[in-house]
Amino acid sequence: MSQFVDVLEEMRTHYKSSLGQTSPRRYAASQHLASYFTAAQESSAELSAQENDLLKGLQIDAQSSGQEEASGIETGIVDATEALKSSGASPTSVEEFKKKMEDQRKKAKEDSNTRIDKIFDTAIKIGLEHPELQHPIVALMDTIGNFFNDLFNKIADFIVGVVRDVVAWLKNAWDSITSTFKGIAGWISSWF
């Protein structure tokens, strides 16, 4: 394998294993890939319009994927909240709601892993087909990996906050869900 593929595979593994860590750290290339990674980060090659379009395609894919993930989780949270409200927030239904929220957190992690795999696979394919883009792709994928980690953490933090005090949160549930996921959507749209 090339150093390009090795760095992206190492980066993919890092970002997937960092999901859900309380203080995720930035990717640091292993010793044998450090000089390649540093060179890729510092690269400032002039790119053609077609090359820029390929990189822009990765950015658009990442944003679209992030929006899909957030939207899917929001729908799951809305459904769980509607079920809780319709049950009158009995102790049994609160426990069921907490379970559903934990399921949503797990789903968010699984979705993030799947989306990270998909975007890294695409990046590797583009880089192998267009070797002149390998350095810019490495730098971009580091940014995208950080975005996906941040996205998962925003969703997980929201879920943890809700589960901490379900009954108090339930009073303002719709405003909380709407403002949180509207904020996440706005943040995703400003990734690039």
Protein backbone atom coordinates (compact mmCIF):
# COMPACT_ATOMS: atom_id res chain seq x y z
CA MET A 1 0.00 0.00 0.00
CA SER A 2 1.02 3.59 -0.50
CA GLN A 3 1.62 6.07 2.29
CA PHE A 4 -1.50 7.88 1.12
CA VAL A 5 -3.68 4.82 1.71
CA ASP A 6 -1.84 3.97 4.94
CA VAL A 7 -2.44 7.46 6.37
CA LEU A 8 -6.12 7.44 5.44
CA GLU A 9 -6.62 3.95 6.88
CA GLU A 10 -4.85 4.96 10.08
CA MET A 11 -6.90 8.17 10.20
CA ARG A 12 -10.14 6.25 9.61
CA THR A 13 -9.31 3.89 12.48
CA HIS A 14 -8.48 6.84 14.73
CA TYR A 15 -11.71 8.71 14.06
CA LYS A 16 -13.90 5.65 14.41
CA SER A 17 -12.26 4.67 17.71
CA SER A 18 -12.52 8.26 18.98
CA LEU A 19 -16.31 8.36 18.70
CA GLY A 20 -17.80 8.81 22.12
CA GLN A 21 -14.57 9.53 23.96
CA THR A 22 -15.06 12.28 26.51
CA SER A 23 -12.10 14.24 25.19
CA PRO A 24 -11.24 12.98 21.74
CA ARG A 25 -7.80 13.89 20.53
CA ARG A 26 -6.78 15.03 17.11
CA TYR A 27 -5.27 12.53 14.73
CA ALA A 28 -1.50 12.18 15.04
CA ALA A 29 0.16 10.04 12.40
CA SER A 30 2.24 7.10 13.52
CA GLN A 31 6.00 7.56 13.42
CA HIS A 32 6.51 5.93 10.01
CA LEU A 33 3.76 8.12 8.44
CA ALA A 34 4.41 11.39 10.30
CA SER A 35 6.56 13.05 7.64
CA TYR A 36 4.06 12.16 4.89
CA PHE A 37 1.16 13.49 6.97
CA THR A 38 3.02 16.72 7.78
CA ALA A 39 3.89 17.24 4.11
CA ALA A 40 0.23 16.67 3.17
CA GLN A 41 -0.94 19.18 5.78
CA GLU A 42 1.53 21.79 4.54
CA SER A 43 0.88 21.20 0.84
CA SER A 44 -0.40 24.18 -1.09
CA ALA A 45 -0.41 22.90 -4.66
CA GLU A 46 -2.34 24.82 -7.29
CA LEU A 47 -5.29 22.69 -8.37
CA SER A 48 -7.23 22.74 -11.62
CA ALA A 49 -10.95 23.44 -11.64
CA GLN A 50 -11.63 19.71 -12.12
CA GLU A 51 -9.40 18.82 -9.15
CA ASN A 52 -11.11 21.43 -6.99
CA ASP A 53 -14.47 19.97 -8.04
CA LEU A 54 -13.39 16.51 -6.87
CA LEU A 55 -12.42 17.91 -3.45
CA LYS A 56 -15.62 19.94 -3.31
CA GLY A 57 -17.51 16.71 -4.01
CA LEU A 58 -15.98 15.16 -0.89
CA GLN A 59 -17.00 18.22 1.12
CA ILE A 60 -20.56 18.07 -0.20
CA ASP A 61 -20.73 14.32 0.50
CA ALA A 62 -19.55 14.91 4.07
CA GLN A 63 -22.07 17.67 4.71
CA SER A 64 -24.92 15.71 3.15
CA SER A 65 -23.99 12.64 5.16
CA GLY A 66 -23.83 14.68 8.37
CA GLN A 67 -27.24 16.22 7.67
CA GLU A 68 -28.74 12.78 6.99
CA GLU A 69 -27.29 11.42 10.22
CA ALA A 70 -28.59 14.32 12.32
CA SER A 71 -32.00 14.20 10.67
CA GLY A 72 -32.35 10.46 11.23
CA ILE A 73 -31.43 10.74 14.89
CA GLU A 74 -33.76 13.72 15.33
CA THR A 75 -36.64 11.65 13.92
CA GLY A 76 -35.87 8.82 16.37
CA ILE A 77 -35.80 11.26 19.28
CA VAL A 78 -39.07 12.89 18.20
CA ASP A 79 -40.75 9.48 17.93
CA ALA A 80 -39.50 8.44 21.38
CA THR A 81 -40.64 11.77 22.85
CA GLU A 82 -44.10 11.50 21.31
CA ALA A 83 -44.47 8.01 22.77
CA LEU A 84 -43.38 9.28 26.18
CA LYS A 85 -45.76 12.23 26.12
CA SER A 86 -48.71 10.09 25.00
CA SER A 87 -48.06 7.64 27.85
CA GLY A 88 -48.28 10.38 30.45
CA ALA A 89 -44.61 10.04 31.45
CA SER A 90 -45.27 7.19 33.86
CA PRO A 91 -42.20 5.67 35.58
CA THR A 92 -42.36 2.68 33.23
CA SER A 93 -42.60 4.88 30.14
CA VAL A 94 -39.73 7.08 31.37
CA GLU A 95 -37.53 3.98 31.64
CA GLU A 96 -38.61 2.87 28.18
CA PHE A 97 -37.82 6.38 26.88
CA LYS A 98 -34.35 6.23 28.43
CA LYS A 99 -33.78 2.89 26.70
CA LYS A 100 -34.92 4.36 23.38
CA MET A 101 -32.59 7.32 23.86
CA GLU A 102 -29.68 4.97 24.55
CA ASP A 103 -30.63 3.10 21.39
CA GLN A 104 -30.50 6.43 19.53
CA ARG A 105 -27.03 7.13 20.91
CA LYS A 106 -25.88 3.68 19.76
CA LYS A 107 -27.48 4.25 16.37
CA ALA A 108 -25.69 7.59 16.06
CA LYS A 109 -22.38 5.85 16.73
CA GLU A 110 -23.11 3.09 14.21
CA ASP A 111 -24.24 5.66 11.64
CA SER A 112 -21.09 7.71 12.21
CA ASN A 113 -18.90 4.64 11.73
CA THR A 114 -20.71 3.74 8.51
CA ARG A 115 -20.49 7.29 7.19
CA ILE A 116 -16.81 7.58 8.10
CA ASP A 117 -16.13 4.33 6.22
CA LYS A 118 -18.04 5.50 3.17
CA ILE A 119 -16.35 8.90 2.90
CA PHE A 120 -12.88 7.46 3.52
CA ASP A 121 -13.48 4.78 0.86
CA THR A 122 -14.49 7.50 -1.58
CA ALA A 123 -11.44 9.62 -0.67
CA ILE A 124 -9.07 6.69 -1.20
CA LYS A 125 -10.65 5.90 -4.57
CA ILE A 126 -10.31 9.52 -5.73
CA GLY A 127 -6.73 9.74 -4.47
CA LEU A 128 -5.69 6.57 -6.25
CA GLU A 129 -7.30 7.78 -9.48
CA HIS A 130 -5.82 11.29 -9.10
CA PRO A 131 -2.44 11.01 -7.35
CA GLU A 132 -1.91 14.78 -7.57
CA LEU A 133 -4.82 15.17 -5.11
CA GLN A 134 -3.45 12.85 -2.45
CA HIS A 135 -1.98 15.56 -0.20
CA PRO A 136 -5.05 17.81 -0.34
CA ILE A 137 -7.27 14.77 0.28
CA VAL A 138 -5.28 13.83 3.40
CA ALA A 139 -5.66 17.35 4.80
CA LEU A 140 -9.37 17.44 3.95
CA MET A 141 -10.09 14.03 5.44
CA ASP A 142 -8.47 15.06 8.72
CA THR A 143 -10.92 17.97 8.84
CA ILE A 144 -13.87 15.76 7.88
CA GLY A 145 -12.93 13.16 10.51
CA ASN A 146 -12.94 15.87 13.17
CA PHE A 147 -16.34 17.09 11.98
CA PHE A 148 -17.88 13.63 12.26
CA ASN A 149 -16.45 13.20 15.76
CA ASP A 150 -17.84 16.59 16.77
CA LEU A 151 -21.22 15.73 15.26
CA PHE A 152 -21.47 12.48 17.20
CA ASN A 153 -20.44 14.26 20.41
CA LYS A 154 -23.09 16.98 19.94
CA ILE A 155 -25.79 14.33 19.48
CA ALA A 156 -24.53 12.17 22.35
CA ASP A 157 -24.27 15.19 24.69
CA PHE A 158 -27.85 16.13 23.86
CA ILE A 159 -29.08 12.62 24.59
CA VAL A 160 -27.16 12.40 27.87
CA GLY A 161 -28.62 15.74 28.97
CA VAL A 162 -32.14 14.59 28.16
CA VAL A 163 -31.79 11.27 29.97
CA ARG A 164 -30.30 12.98 33.04
CA ASP A 165 -33.64 14.64 33.87
CA VAL A 166 -36.35 13.39 31.53
CA VAL A 167 -39.32 14.78 33.43
CA ALA A 168 -37.93 18.34 33.61
CA TRP A 169 -36.81 18.20 29.98
CA LEU A 170 -40.19 16.93 28.79
CA LYS A 171 -41.84 20.29 29.55
CA ASN A 172 -39.77 21.96 26.83
CA ALA A 173 -39.01 18.89 24.72
CA TRP A 174 -40.15 20.21 21.35
CA ASP A 175 -38.28 23.50 21.71
CA SER A 176 -35.21 21.61 22.90
CA ILE A 177 -35.26 19.14 20.01
CA THR A 178 -35.97 21.83 17.42
CA SER A 179 -33.32 24.26 18.63
CA THR A 180 -30.67 21.57 19.10
CA PHE A 181 -31.06 19.98 15.70
CA LYS A 182 -31.56 23.31 13.94
CA GLY A 183 -28.27 24.39 15.52
CA ILE A 184 -26.59 21.17 14.40
CA ALA A 185 -27.92 21.61 10.85
CA GLY A 186 -26.60 25.18 10.74
CA TRP A 187 -23.25 24.08 12.09
CA ILE A 188 -22.97 21.30 9.48
CA SER A 189 -23.79 23.74 6.68
CA SER A 190 -20.83 25.88 7.77
CA TRP A 191 -18.29 23.03 7.73
CA PHE A 192 -16.59 24.31 4.60
